[in-house]
């Protein structure tokens, strides 16, 4: 038969180990989510600003290596979405809807990925 003190000690150790495990998991999830959100916003804003400054017949290459690393389970083509009707760029690196920014330049945009680069072709 166990003594009362050893049972209490086992319960305390069990509680502490569970608390440490959940804290580590929470920190990992929050850190990963926050990092993706920052990169989504930065890429969406960068692409929108580049499109606003672009002239017809320009070709723009954007290094998307970090975005591709963060969006491990996503197809490259799903990372950046361009809605020409609403003039909106949406970048999604996870399972969320992503971050969107609008551009003002009235152009047609063709996008394609070449390895780690996003190629945008701007046409009038």
PDB file of N, CA and C in Angstrom:
ATOM      1  N   UNK A   1       0.835  -1.179   0.000  1.00  0.00           N
ATOM      2  CA  UNK A   1       0.000   0.000   0.000  1.00  0.00           C
ATOM      3  C   UNK A   1       0.886   1.251   0.000  1.00  0.00           C
ATOM      4  N   UNK A   2       0.510   2.220  -0.810  1.00  0.00           N
ATOM      5  CA  UNK A   2       1.299   3.455  -0.913  1.00  0.00           C
ATOM      6  C   UNK A   2       1.001   4.373   0.266  1.00  0.00           C
ATOM      7  N   UNK A   3       2.005   5.181   0.529  1.00  0.00           N
ATOM      8  CA  UNK A   3       1.804   6.182   1.565  1.00  0.00           C
ATOM      9  C   UNK A   3       1.142   7.402   0.964  1.00  0.00           C
ATOM     10  N   UNK A   4       0.478   8.131   1.772  1.00  0.00           N
ATOM     11  CA  UNK A   4      -0.257   9.311   1.337  1.00  0.00           C
ATOM     12  C   UNK A   4       0.675  10.377   0.749  1.00  0.00           C
ATOM     13  N   UNK A   5       1.853  10.544   1.294  1.00  0.00           N
ATOM     14  CA  UNK A   5       2.809  11.554   0.833  1.00  0.00           C
ATOM     15  C   UNK A   5       3.331  11.268  -0.563  1.00  0.00           C
ATOM     16  N   UNK A   6       3.593  10.005  -0.876  1.00  0.00           N
ATOM     17  CA  UNK A   6       4.108   9.675  -2.208  1.00  0.00           C
ATOM     18  C   UNK A   6       3.023   9.855  -3.269  1.00  0.00           C
ATOM     19  N   UNK A   7       1.768   9.599  -2.929  1.00  0.00           N
ATOM     20  CA  UNK A   7       0.661   9.800  -3.863  1.00  0.00           C
ATOM     21  C   UNK A   7       0.495  11.287  -4.189  1.00  0.00           C
ATOM     22  N   UNK A   8       0.602  12.125  -3.172  1.00  0.00           N
ATOM     23  CA  UNK A   8       0.507  13.567  -3.374  1.00  0.00           C
ATOM     24  C   UNK A   8       1.664  14.076  -4.231  1.00  0.00           C
ATOM     25  N   UNK A   9       2.862  13.556  -4.002  1.00  0.00           N
ATOM     26  CA  UNK A   9       4.033  13.949  -4.777  1.00  0.00           C
ATOM     27  C   UNK A   9       3.867  13.535  -6.244  1.00  0.00           C
ATOM     28  N   UNK A  10       3.359  12.345  -6.499  1.00  0.00           N
ATOM     29  CA  UNK A  10       3.113  11.894  -7.862  1.00  0.00           C
ATOM     30  C   UNK A  10       2.105  12.791  -8.570  1.00  0.00           C
ATOM     31  N   UNK A  11       1.062  13.187  -7.882  1.00  0.00           N
ATOM     32  CA  UNK A  11       0.053  14.069  -8.472  1.00  0.00           C
ATOM     33  C   UNK A  11       0.623  15.447  -8.786  1.00  0.00           C
ATOM     34  N   UNK A  12       1.466  15.952  -7.921  1.00  0.00           N
ATOM     35  CA  UNK A  12       2.092  17.261  -8.156  1.00  0.00           C
ATOM     36  C   UNK A  12       3.021  17.184  -9.367  1.00  0.00           C
ATOM     37  N   UNK A  13       3.821  16.134  -9.451  1.00  0.00           N
ATOM     38  CA  UNK A  13       4.718  15.974 -10.597  1.00  0.00           C
ATOM     39  C   UNK A  13       3.916  15.831 -11.886  1.00  0.00           C
ATOM     40  N   UNK A  14       2.851  15.058 -11.871  1.00  0.00           N
ATOM     41  CA  UNK A  14       1.988  14.894 -13.036  1.00  0.00           C
ATOM     42  C   UNK A  14       1.407  16.236 -13.471  1.00  0.00           C
ATOM     43  N   UNK A  15       0.920  17.016 -12.531  1.00  0.00           N
ATOM     44  CA  UNK A  15       0.348  18.325 -12.838  1.00  0.00           C
ATOM     45  C   UNK A  15       1.396  19.267 -13.425  1.00  0.00           C
ATOM     46  N   UNK A  16       2.577  19.302 -12.847  1.00  0.00           N
ATOM     47  CA  UNK A  16       3.650  20.199 -13.319  1.00  0.00           C
ATOM     48  C   UNK A  16       4.087  19.811 -14.736  1.00  0.00           C
ATOM     49  N   UNK A  17       4.254  18.510 -14.977  1.00  0.00           N
ATOM     50  CA  UNK A  17       4.661  18.077 -16.316  1.00  0.00           C
ATOM     51  C   UNK A  17       3.591  18.400 -17.359  1.00  0.00           C
ATOM     52  N   UNK A  18       2.333  18.208 -17.020  1.00  0.00           N
ATOM     53  CA  UNK A  18       1.250  18.570 -17.945  1.00  0.00           C
ATOM     54  C   UNK A  18       1.222  20.076 -18.201  1.00  0.00           C
ATOM     55  N   UNK A  19       1.404  20.873 -17.165  1.00  0.00           N
ATOM     56  CA  UNK A  19       1.405  22.330 -17.320  1.00  0.00           C
ATOM     57  C   UNK A  19       2.561  22.766 -18.220  1.00  0.00           C
ATOM     58  N   UNK A  20       3.738  22.202 -18.033  1.00  0.00           N
ATOM     59  CA  UNK A  20       4.899  22.542 -18.863  1.00  0.00           C
ATOM     60  C   UNK A  20       4.631  22.150 -20.314  1.00  0.00           C
ATOM     61  N   UNK A  21       4.078  20.963 -20.536  1.00  0.00           N
ATOM     62  CA  UNK A  21       3.772  20.510 -21.888  1.00  0.00           C
ATOM     63  C   UNK A  21       2.809  21.468 -22.578  1.00  0.00           C
ATOM     64  N   UNK A  22       1.721  21.839 -21.907  1.00  0.00           N
ATOM     65  CA  UNK A  22       0.737  22.721 -22.530  1.00  0.00           C
ATOM     66  C   UNK A  22       1.276  24.131 -22.748  1.00  0.00           C
ATOM     67  N   UNK A  23       2.124  24.602 -21.878  1.00  0.00           N
ATOM     68  CA  UNK A  23       2.729  25.924 -22.066  1.00  0.00           C
ATOM     69  C   UNK A  23       3.657  25.906 -23.279  1.00  0.00           C
ATOM     70  N   UNK A  24       4.457  24.867 -23.422  1.00  0.00           N
ATOM     71  CA  UNK A  24       5.354  24.755 -24.582  1.00  0.00           C
ATOM     72  C   UNK A  24       4.545  24.684 -25.869  1.00  0.00           C
ATOM     73  N   UNK A  25       3.482  23.898 -25.879  1.00  0.00           N
ATOM     74  CA  UNK A  25       2.629  23.801 -27.067  1.00  0.00           C
ATOM     75  C   UNK A  25       1.977  25.146 -27.403  1.00  0.00           C
ATOM     76  N   UNK A  26       1.492  25.852 -26.396  1.00  0.00           N
ATOM     77  CA  UNK A  26       0.856  27.153 -26.602  1.00  0.00           C
ATOM     78  C   UNK A  26       1.848  28.165 -27.168  1.00  0.00           C
ATOM     79  N   UNK A  27       3.052  28.187 -26.632  1.00  0.00           N
ATOM     80  CA  UNK A  27       4.083  29.107 -27.133  1.00  0.00           C
ATOM     81  C   UNK A  27       4.418  28.780 -28.585  1.00  0.00           C
ATOM     82  N   UNK A  28       4.552  27.504 -28.906  1.00  0.00           N
ATOM     83  CA  UNK A  28       4.853  27.089 -30.274  1.00  0.00           C
ATOM     84  C   UNK A  28       3.744  27.520 -31.232  1.00  0.00           C
ATOM     85  N   UNK A  29       2.507  27.287 -30.870  1.00  0.00           N
ATOM     86  CA  UNK A  29       1.370  27.637 -31.732  1.00  0.00           C
ATOM     87  C   UNK A  29       1.274  29.147 -31.914  1.00  0.00           C
ATOM     88  N   UNK A  30       1.385  29.897 -30.833  1.00  0.00           N
ATOM     89  CA  UNK A  30       1.290  31.360 -30.939  1.00  0.00           C
ATOM     90  C   UNK A  30       2.451  31.934 -31.747  1.00  0.00           C
ATOM     91  N   UNK A  31       3.636  31.417 -31.555  1.00  0.00           N
ATOM     92  CA  UNK A  31       4.797  31.902 -32.297  1.00  0.00           C
ATOM     93  C   UNK A  31       4.644  31.604 -33.783  1.00  0.00           C
ATOM     94  N   UNK A  32       4.218  30.423 -34.115  1.00  0.00           N
ATOM     95  CA  UNK A  32       4.056  30.027 -35.509  1.00  0.00           C
ATOM     96  C   UNK A  32       2.949  30.846 -36.183  1.00  0.00           C
ATOM     97  N   UNK A  33       1.850  31.039 -35.503  1.00  0.00           N
ATOM     98  CA  UNK A  33       0.737  31.806 -36.056  1.00  0.00           C
ATOM     99  C   UNK A  33       1.120  33.266 -36.245  1.00  0.00           C
ATOM    100  N   UNK A  34       1.790  33.841 -35.274  1.00  0.00           N
ATOM    101  CA  UNK A  34       2.179  35.246 -35.357  1.00  0.00           C
ATOM    102  C   UNK A  34       3.172  35.468 -36.496  1.00  0.00           C
ATOM    103  N   UNK A  35       4.096  34.557 -36.676  1.00  0.00           N
ATOM    104  CA  UNK A  35       5.082  34.683 -37.743  1.00  0.00           C
ATOM    105  C   UNK A  35       4.405  34.659 -39.106  1.00  0.00           C
ATOM    106  N   UNK A  36       3.472  33.736 -39.291  1.00  0.00           N
ATOM    107  CA  UNK A  36       2.761  33.652 -40.568  1.00  0.00           C
ATOM    108  C   UNK A  36       1.982  34.927 -40.843  1.00  0.00           C
ATOM    109  N   UNK A  37       1.305  35.452 -39.851  1.00  0.00           N
ATOM    110  CA  UNK A  37       0.495  36.654 -40.046  1.00  0.00           C
ATOM    111  C   UNK A  37       1.359  37.846 -40.462  1.00  0.00           C
ATOM    112  N   UNK A  38       2.527  37.968 -39.862  1.00  0.00           N
ATOM    113  CA  UNK A  38       3.425  39.078 -40.203  1.00  0.00           C
ATOM    114  C   UNK A  38       3.899  38.943 -41.649  1.00  0.00           C
ATOM    115  N   UNK A  39       4.290  37.737 -42.050  1.00  0.00           N
ATOM    116  CA  UNK A  39       4.744  37.527 -43.429  1.00  0.00           C
ATOM    117  C   UNK A  39       3.612  37.684 -44.436  1.00  0.00           C
ATOM    118  N   UNK A  40       2.405  37.236 -44.084  1.00  0.00           N
ATOM    119  CA  UNK A  40       1.260  37.427 -44.979  1.00  0.00           C
ATOM    120  C   UNK A  40       1.044  38.913 -45.255  1.00  0.00           C
ATOM    121  N   UNK A  41       1.057  39.695 -44.179  1.00  0.00           N
ATOM    122  CA  UNK A  41       0.840  41.135 -44.331  1.00  0.00           C
ATOM    123  C   UNK A  41       1.967  41.785 -45.129  1.00  0.00           C
ATOM    124  N   UNK A  42       3.197  41.412 -44.848  1.00  0.00           N
ATOM    125  CA  UNK A  42       4.338  42.025 -45.539  1.00  0.00           C
ATOM    126  C   UNK A  42       4.325  41.699 -47.032  1.00  0.00           C
ATOM    127  N   UNK A  43       4.106  40.445 -47.377  1.00  0.00           N
ATOM    128  CA  UNK A  43       4.075  40.065 -48.796  1.00  0.00           C
ATOM    129  C   UNK A  43       2.906  40.717 -49.526  1.00  0.00           C
ATOM    130  N   UNK A  44       1.730  40.721 -48.907  1.00  0.00           N
ATOM    131  CA  UNK A  44       0.561  41.327 -49.567  1.00  0.00           C
ATOM    132  C   UNK A  44       0.788  42.818 -49.813  1.00  0.00           C
ATOM    133  N   UNK A  45       1.340  43.488 -48.838  1.00  0.00           N
ATOM    134  CA  UNK A  45       1.591  44.926 -48.983  1.00  0.00           C
ATOM    135  C   UNK A  45       2.667  45.185 -50.035  1.00  0.00           C
ATOM    136  N   UNK A  46       3.730  44.384 -50.015  1.00  0.00           N
ATOM    137  CA  UNK A  46       4.813  44.557 -50.988  1.00  0.00           C
ATOM    138  C   UNK A  46       4.305  44.358 -52.417  1.00  0.00           C
ATOM    139  N   UNK A  47       3.523  43.311 -52.635  1.00  0.00           N
ATOM    140  CA  UNK A  47       3.020  43.035 -53.977  1.00  0.00           C
ATOM    141  C   UNK A  47       2.081  44.137 -54.435  1.00  0.00           C
ATOM    142  N   UNK A  48       1.187  44.590 -53.558  1.00  0.00           N
ATOM    143  CA  UNK A  48       0.253  45.658 -53.919  1.00  0.00           C
ATOM    144  C   UNK A  48       0.998  46.946 -54.271  1.00  0.00           C
ATOM    145  N   UNK A  49       2.008  47.293 -53.492  1.00  0.00           N
ATOM    146  CA  UNK A  49       2.780  48.509 -53.782  1.00  0.00           C
ATOM    147  C   UNK A  49       3.562  48.378 -55.089  1.00  0.00           C
ATOM    148  N   UNK A  50       4.113  47.206 -55.364  1.00  0.00           N
ATOM    149  CA  UNK A  50       4.830  47.000 -56.621  1.00  0.00           C
ATOM    150  C   UNK A  50       3.893  47.122 -57.822  1.00  0.00           C
ATOM    151  N   UNK A  51       2.688  46.592 -57.695  1.00  0.00           N
ATOM    152  CA  UNK A  51       1.717  46.705 -58.789  1.00  0.00           C
ATOM    153  C   UNK A  51       1.318  48.159 -59.005  1.00  0.00           C
ATOM    154  N   UNK A  52       1.167  48.913 -57.935  1.00  0.00           N
ATOM    155  CA  UNK A  52       0.819  50.331 -58.068  1.00  0.00           C
ATOM    156  C   UNK A  52       1.897  51.125 -58.792  1.00  0.00           C
ATOM    157  N   UNK A  53       3.138  50.738 -58.623  1.00  0.00           N
ATOM    158  CA  UNK A  53       4.247  51.451 -59.257  1.00  0.00           C
ATOM    159  C   UNK A  53       4.596  50.901 -60.637  1.00  0.00           C
ATOM    160  N   UNK A  54       3.991  49.803 -61.019  1.00  0.00           N
ATOM    161  CA  UNK A  54       4.353  49.134 -62.272  1.00  0.00           C
ATOM    162  C   UNK A  54       3.785  49.854 -63.486  1.00  0.00           C
ATOM    163  N   UNK A  55       4.507  49.754 -64.563  1.00  0.00           N
ATOM    164  CA  UNK A  55       4.077  50.276 -65.864  1.00  0.00           C
ATOM    165  C   UNK A  55       3.686  49.092 -66.741  1.00  0.00           C
ATOM    166  N   UNK A  56       2.833  49.311 -67.739  1.00  0.00           N
ATOM    167  CA  UNK A  56       2.463  48.210 -68.646  1.00  0.00           C
ATOM    168  C   UNK A  56       3.695  47.577 -69.288  1.00  0.00           C
ATOM    169  N   UNK A  57       3.634  46.295 -69.485  1.00  0.00           N
ATOM    170  CA  UNK A  57       4.669  45.425 -70.059  1.00  0.00           C
ATOM    171  C   UNK A  57       5.855  45.199 -69.121  1.00  0.00           C
ATOM    172  N   UNK A  58       5.698  45.479 -67.841  1.00  0.00           N
ATOM    173  CA  UNK A  58       6.750  45.183 -66.863  1.00  0.00           C
ATOM    174  C   UNK A  58       6.612  43.749 -66.382  1.00  0.00           C
ATOM    175  N   UNK A  59       7.740  43.158 -66.041  1.00  0.00           N
ATOM    176  CA  UNK A  59       7.772  41.844 -65.410  1.00  0.00           C
ATOM    177  C   UNK A  59       8.463  42.012 -64.061  1.00  0.00           C
ATOM    178  N   UNK A  60       7.801  41.561 -63.014  1.00  0.00           N
ATOM    179  CA  UNK A  60       8.312  41.723 -61.648  1.00  0.00           C
ATOM    180  C   UNK A  60       8.554  40.334 -61.057  1.00  0.00           C
ATOM    181  N   UNK A  61       9.726  40.143 -60.463  1.00  0.00           N
ATOM    182  CA  UNK A  61      10.045  38.898 -59.761  1.00  0.00           C
ATOM    183  C   UNK A  61      10.137  39.200 -58.269  1.00  0.00           C
ATOM    184  N   UNK A  62       9.446  38.401 -57.470  1.00  0.00           N
ATOM    185  CA  UNK A  62       9.454  38.577 -56.018  1.00  0.00           C
ATOM    186  C   UNK A  62       9.939  37.279 -55.388  1.00  0.00           C
ATOM    187  N   UNK A  63      10.942  37.385 -54.528  1.00  0.00           N
ATOM    188  CA  UNK A  63      11.463  36.211 -53.832  1.00  0.00           C
ATOM    189  C   UNK A  63      10.447  35.761 -52.777  1.00  0.00           C
ATOM    190  N   UNK A  64       9.905  34.566 -52.950  1.00  0.00           N
ATOM    191  CA  UNK A  64       8.864  34.041 -52.047  1.00  0.00           C
ATOM    192  C   UNK A  64       9.373  32.849 -51.239  1.00  0.00           C
ATOM    193  N   UNK A  65      10.678  32.741 -51.072  1.00  0.00           N
ATOM    194  CA  UNK A  65      11.254  31.575 -50.402  1.00  0.00           C
ATOM    195  C   UNK A  65      10.705  31.408 -48.992  1.00  0.00           C
ATOM    196  N   UNK A  66      10.694  32.473 -48.215  1.00  0.00           N
ATOM    197  CA  UNK A  66      10.215  32.392 -46.823  1.00  0.00           C
ATOM    198  C   UNK A  66       8.725  32.055 -46.779  1.00  0.00           C
ATOM    199  N   UNK A  67       7.959  32.623 -47.688  1.00  0.00           N
ATOM    200  CA  UNK A  67       6.522  32.338 -47.732  1.00  0.00           C
ATOM    201  C   UNK A  67       6.271  30.872 -48.064  1.00  0.00           C
ATOM    202  N   UNK A  68       7.037  30.337 -48.994  1.00  0.00           N
ATOM    203  CA  UNK A  68       6.879  28.930 -49.377  1.00  0.00           C
ATOM    204  C   UNK A  68       7.254  28.017 -48.215  1.00  0.00           C
ATOM    205  N   UNK A  69       8.288  28.391 -47.458  1.00  0.00           N
ATOM    206  CA  UNK A  69       8.679  27.602 -46.278  1.00  0.00           C
ATOM    207  C   UNK A  69       7.570  27.603 -45.223  1.00  0.00           C
ATOM    208  N   UNK A  70       6.958  28.766 -45.004  1.00  0.00           N
ATOM    209  CA  UNK A  70       5.910  28.867 -43.987  1.00  0.00           C
ATOM    210  C   UNK A  70       4.617  28.183 -44.421  1.00  0.00           C
ATOM    211  N   UNK A  71       4.379  28.119 -45.704  1.00  0.00           N
ATOM    212  CA  UNK A  71       3.160  27.491 -46.234  1.00  0.00           C
ATOM    213  C   UNK A  71       3.475  26.078 -46.697  1.00  0.00           C
ATOM    214  N   UNK A  72       4.001  25.279 -45.831  1.00  0.00           N
ATOM    215  CA  UNK A  72       4.482  23.937 -46.171  1.00  0.00           C
ATOM    216  C   UNK A  72       3.438  23.078 -46.872  1.00  0.00           C
ATOM    217  N   UNK A  73       2.228  23.086 -46.363  1.00  0.00           N
ATOM    218  CA  UNK A  73       1.198  22.170 -46.866  1.00  0.00           C
ATOM    219  C   UNK A  73       0.349  22.763 -47.974  1.00  0.00           C
ATOM    220  N   UNK A  74       0.708  23.930 -48.454  1.00  0.00           N
ATOM    221  CA  UNK A  74      -0.086  24.587 -49.494  1.00  0.00           C
ATOM    222  C   UNK A  74       0.598  24.506 -50.843  1.00  0.00           C
ATOM    223  N   UNK A  75      -0.218  24.450 -51.862  1.00  0.00           N
ATOM    224  CA  UNK A  75       0.272  24.548 -53.232  1.00  0.00           C
ATOM    225  C   UNK A  75       0.768  25.975 -53.447  1.00  0.00           C
ATOM    226  N   UNK A  76       1.863  26.158 -54.158  1.00  0.00           N
ATOM    227  CA  UNK A  76       2.406  27.502 -54.393  1.00  0.00           C
ATOM    228  C   UNK A  76       1.374  28.443 -55.002  1.00  0.00           C
ATOM    229  N   UNK A  77       0.575  27.933 -55.915  1.00  0.00           N
ATOM    230  CA  UNK A  77      -0.404  28.773 -56.611  1.00  0.00           C
ATOM    231  C   UNK A  77      -1.485  29.312 -55.665  1.00  0.00           C
ATOM    232  N   UNK A  78      -1.672  28.668 -54.518  1.00  0.00           N
ATOM    233  CA  UNK A  78      -2.693  29.097 -53.560  1.00  0.00           C
ATOM    234  C   UNK A  78      -2.179  30.137 -52.578  1.00  0.00           C
ATOM    235  N   UNK A  79      -0.879  30.378 -52.558  1.00  0.00           N
ATOM    236  CA  UNK A  79      -0.303  31.328 -51.604  1.00  0.00           C
ATOM    237  C   UNK A  79      -0.730  32.749 -51.941  1.00  0.00           C
ATOM    238  N   UNK A  80      -0.605  33.141 -53.199  1.00  0.00           N
ATOM    239  CA  UNK A  80      -0.954  34.497 -53.635  1.00  0.00           C
ATOM    240  C   UNK A  80      -2.157  34.414 -54.556  1.00  0.00           C
ATOM    241  N   UNK A  81      -3.188  35.176 -54.203  1.00  0.00           N
ATOM    242  CA  UNK A  81      -4.378  35.247 -55.049  1.00  0.00           C
ATOM    243  C   UNK A  81      -4.570  36.697 -55.477  1.00  0.00           C
ATOM    244  N   UNK A  82      -4.854  36.887 -56.749  1.00  0.00           N
ATOM    245  CA  UNK A  82      -5.068  38.226 -57.300  1.00  0.00           C
ATOM    246  C   UNK A  82      -6.504  38.318 -57.778  1.00  0.00           C
ATOM    247  N   UNK A  83      -7.234  39.276 -57.225  1.00  0.00           N
ATOM    248  CA  UNK A  83      -8.604  39.535 -57.652  1.00  0.00           C
ATOM    249  C   UNK A  83      -8.587  40.856 -58.416  1.00  0.00           C
ATOM    250  N   UNK A  84      -8.543  40.770 -59.746  1.00  0.00           N
ATOM    251  CA  UNK A  84      -8.441  41.980 -60.568  1.00  0.00           C
ATOM    252  C   UNK A  84      -9.726  42.793 -60.534  1.00  0.00           C
ATOM    253  N   UNK A  85     -10.849  42.142 -60.318  1.00  0.00           N
ATOM    254  CA  UNK A  85     -12.122  42.853 -60.271  1.00  0.00           C
ATOM    255  C   UNK A  85     -12.180  43.787 -59.054  1.00  0.00           C
ATOM    256  N   UNK A  86     -11.738  43.276 -57.909  1.00  0.00           N
ATOM    257  CA  UNK A  86     -11.707  44.100 -56.692  1.00  0.00           C
ATOM    258  C   UNK A  86     -10.376  44.820 -56.505  1.00  0.00           C
ATOM    259  N   UNK A  87      -9.402  44.530 -57.397  1.00  0.00           N
ATOM    260  CA  UNK A  87      -8.048  45.080 -57.297  1.00  0.00           C
ATOM    261  C   UNK A  87      -7.461  44.784 -55.918  1.00  0.00           C
ATOM    262  N   UNK A  88      -7.412  43.489 -55.608  1.00  0.00           N
ATOM    263  CA  UNK A  88      -6.980  43.068 -54.286  1.00  0.00           C
ATOM    264  C   UNK A  88      -6.007  41.896 -54.381  1.00  0.00           C
ATOM    265  N   UNK A  89      -4.949  41.975 -53.577  1.00  0.00           N
ATOM    266  CA  UNK A  89      -3.961  40.906 -53.440  1.00  0.00           C
ATOM    267  C   UNK A  89      -4.198  40.239 -52.095  1.00  0.00           C
ATOM    268  N   UNK A  90      -4.291  38.914 -52.087  1.00  0.00           N
ATOM    269  CA  UNK A  90      -4.448  38.169 -50.846  1.00  0.00           C
ATOM    270  C   UNK A  90      -3.319  37.159 -50.737  1.00  0.00           C
ATOM    271  N   UNK A  91      -2.631  37.162 -49.602  1.00  0.00           N
ATOM    272  CA  UNK A  91      -1.561  36.207 -49.334  1.00  0.00           C
ATOM    273  C   UNK A  91      -1.978  35.376 -48.131  1.00  0.00           C
ATOM    274  N   UNK A  92      -1.997  34.051 -48.315  1.00  0.00           N
ATOM    275  CA  UNK A  92      -2.372  33.132 -47.250  1.00  0.00           C
ATOM    276  C   UNK A  92      -1.300  32.060 -47.112  1.00  0.00           C
ATOM    277  N   UNK A  93      -0.700  31.983 -45.927  1.00  0.00           N
ATOM    278  CA  UNK A  93       0.379  31.030 -45.696  1.00  0.00           C
ATOM    279  C   UNK A  93      -0.049  29.859 -44.817  1.00  0.00           C
ATOM    280  N   UNK A  94      -1.268  29.915 -44.318  1.00  0.00           N
ATOM    281  CA  UNK A  94      -1.758  28.837 -43.459  1.00  0.00           C
ATOM    282  C   UNK A  94      -3.161  28.457 -43.862  1.00  0.00           C
ATOM    283  N   UNK A  95      -3.919  28.018 -42.888  1.00  0.00           N
ATOM    284  CA  UNK A  95      -5.302  27.615 -43.132  1.00  0.00           C
ATOM    285  C   UNK A  95      -6.284  28.763 -42.946  1.00  0.00           C
ATOM    286  N   UNK A  96      -5.779  29.958 -42.763  1.00  0.00           N
ATOM    287  CA  UNK A  96      -6.641  31.126 -42.584  1.00  0.00           C
ATOM    288  C   UNK A  96      -6.928  31.762 -43.944  1.00  0.00           C
ATOM    289  N   UNK A  97      -7.780  32.773 -43.933  1.00  0.00           N
ATOM    290  CA  UNK A  97      -8.091  33.460 -45.191  1.00  0.00           C
ATOM    291  C   UNK A  97      -6.949  34.353 -45.649  1.00  0.00           C
ATOM    292  N   UNK A  98      -5.984  34.647 -44.784  1.00  0.00           N
ATOM    293  CA  UNK A  98      -4.813  35.423 -45.167  1.00  0.00           C
ATOM    294  C   UNK A  98      -5.009  36.913 -44.990  1.00  0.00           C
ATOM    295  N   UNK A  99      -4.049  37.670 -45.477  1.00  0.00           N
ATOM    296  CA  UNK A  99      -4.075  39.133 -45.419  1.00  0.00           C
ATOM    297  C   UNK A  99      -4.239  39.682 -46.821  1.00  0.00           C
ATOM    298  N   UNK A 100      -5.014  40.738 -46.938  1.00  0.00           N
ATOM    299  CA  UNK A 100      -5.299  41.339 -48.246  1.00  0.00           C
ATOM    300  C   UNK A 100      -4.937  42.809 -48.250  1.00  0.00           C
ATOM    301  N   UNK A 101      -4.486  43.268 -49.401  1.00  0.00           N
ATOM    302  CA  UNK A 101      -4.250  44.690 -49.642  1.00  0.00           C
ATOM    303  C   UNK A 101      -4.753  45.030 -51.028  1.00  0.00           C
ATOM    304  N   UNK A 102      -5.224  46.241 -51.154  1.00  0.00           N
ATOM    305  CA  UNK A 102      -5.741  46.692 -52.448  1.00  0.00           C
ATOM    306  C   UNK A 102      -4.671  47.483 -53.180  1.00  0.00           C
ATOM    307  N   UNK A 103      -4.751  47.433 -54.492  1.00  0.00           N
ATOM    308  CA  UNK A 103      -3.899  48.255 -55.337  1.00  0.00           C
ATOM    309  C   UNK A 103      -4.807  49.127 -56.197  1.00  0.00           C
ATOM    310  N   UNK A 104      -4.242  50.182 -56.772  1.00  0.00           N
ATOM    311  CA  UNK A 104      -5.049  51.164 -57.491  1.00  0.00           C
ATOM    312  C   UNK A 104      -4.787  51.177 -58.990  1.00  0.00           C
ATOM    313  N   UNK A 105      -3.673  50.642 -59.410  1.00  0.00           N
ATOM    314  CA  UNK A 105      -3.289  50.644 -60.807  1.00  0.00           C
ATOM    315  C   UNK A 105      -4.272  49.796 -61.619  1.00  0.00           C
ATOM    316  N   UNK A 106      -4.771  50.331 -62.721  1.00  0.00           N
ATOM    317  CA  UNK A 106      -5.749  49.623 -63.548  1.00  0.00           C
ATOM    318  C   UNK A 106      -5.016  48.813 -64.621  1.00  0.00           C
ATOM    319  N   UNK A 107      -4.578  47.612 -64.251  1.00  0.00           N
ATOM    320  CA  UNK A 107      -3.791  46.762 -65.150  1.00  0.00           C
ATOM    321  C   UNK A 107      -4.276  45.316 -65.064  1.00  0.00           C
ATOM    322  N   UNK A 108      -3.884  44.538 -66.058  1.00  0.00           N
ATOM    323  CA  UNK A 108      -4.103  43.090 -66.020  1.00  0.00           C
ATOM    324  C   UNK A 108      -2.820  42.439 -65.528  1.00  0.00           C
ATOM    325  N   UNK A 109      -2.964  41.477 -64.648  1.00  0.00           N
ATOM    326  CA  UNK A 109      -1.794  40.856 -64.024  1.00  0.00           C
ATOM    327  C   UNK A 109      -1.832  39.353 -64.266  1.00  0.00           C
ATOM    328  N   UNK A 110      -0.708  38.833 -64.715  1.00  0.00           N
ATOM    329  CA  UNK A 110      -0.540  37.388 -64.859  1.00  0.00           C
ATOM    330  C   UNK A 110       0.503  36.951 -63.854  1.00  0.00           C
ATOM    331  N   UNK A 111       0.177  35.918 -63.077  1.00  0.00           N
ATOM    332  CA  UNK A 111       1.148  35.440 -62.082  1.00  0.00           C
ATOM    333  C   UNK A 111       1.526  33.999 -62.380  1.00  0.00           C
ATOM    334  N   UNK A 112       2.774  33.683 -62.059  1.00  0.00           N
ATOM    335  CA  UNK A 112       3.236  32.296 -62.131  1.00  0.00           C
ATOM    336  C   UNK A 112       4.438  32.156 -61.216  1.00  0.00           C
ATOM    337  N   UNK A 113       4.634  30.959 -60.706  1.00  0.00           N
ATOM    338  CA  UNK A 113       5.781  30.697 -59.842  1.00  0.00           C
ATOM    339  C   UNK A 113       6.890  30.037 -60.641  1.00  0.00           C
ATOM    340  N   UNK A 114       8.102  30.556 -60.490  1.00  0.00           N
ATOM    341  CA  UNK A 114       9.317  29.964 -61.037  1.00  0.00           C
ATOM    342  C   UNK A 114      10.194  29.627 -59.846  1.00  0.00           C
ATOM    343  N   UNK A 115      10.191  28.382 -59.438  1.00  0.00           N
ATOM    344  CA  UNK A 115      10.900  27.901 -58.257  1.00  0.00           C
ATOM    345  C   UNK A 115      10.453  28.699 -57.031  1.00  0.00           C
ATOM    346  N   UNK A 116      11.327  29.514 -56.456  1.00  0.00           N
ATOM    347  CA  UNK A 116      10.979  30.294 -55.258  1.00  0.00           C
ATOM    348  C   UNK A 116      10.576  31.727 -55.585  1.00  0.00           C
ATOM    349  N   UNK A 117      10.382  32.033 -56.828  1.00  0.00           N
ATOM    350  CA  UNK A 117      10.053  33.401 -57.237  1.00  0.00           C
ATOM    351  C   UNK A 117       8.647  33.474 -57.807  1.00  0.00           C
ATOM    352  N   UNK A 118       7.955  34.545 -57.440  1.00  0.00           N
ATOM    353  CA  UNK A 118       6.658  34.846 -58.025  1.00  0.00           C
ATOM    354  C   UNK A 118       6.905  35.818 -59.168  1.00  0.00           C
ATOM    355  N   UNK A 119       6.455  35.436 -60.353  1.00  0.00           N
ATOM    356  CA  UNK A 119       6.630  36.276 -61.529  1.00  0.00           C
ATOM    357  C   UNK A 119       5.289  36.937 -61.835  1.00  0.00           C
ATOM    358  N   UNK A 120       5.281  38.267 -61.815  1.00  0.00           N
ATOM    359  CA  UNK A 120       4.082  39.040 -62.163  1.00  0.00           C
ATOM    360  C   UNK A 120       4.343  39.752 -63.482  1.00  0.00           C
ATOM    361  N   UNK A 121       3.476  39.534 -64.427  1.00  0.00           N
ATOM    362  CA  UNK A 121       3.549  40.233 -65.710  1.00  0.00           C
ATOM    363  C   UNK A 121       2.414  41.249 -65.751  1.00  0.00           C
ATOM    364  N   UNK A 122       2.778  42.503 -65.926  1.00  0.00           N
ATOM    365  CA  UNK A 122       1.813  43.607 -65.895  1.00  0.00           C
ATOM    366  C   UNK A 122       1.489  44.007 -67.324  1.00  0.00           C
ATOM    367  N   UNK A 123       0.215  44.011 -67.649  1.00  0.00           N
ATOM    368  CA  UNK A 123      -0.255  44.431 -68.974  1.00  0.00           C
ATOM    369  C   UNK A 123      -1.400  45.435 -68.805  1.00  0.00           C
ATOM    370  N   UNK A 124      -1.573  46.269 -69.786  1.00  0.00           N
ATOM    371  CA  UNK A 124      -2.646  47.278 -69.742  1.00  0.00           C
ATOM    372  C   UNK A 124      -3.971  46.660 -70.039  1.00  0.00           C
TER     373      UNK A 124
END
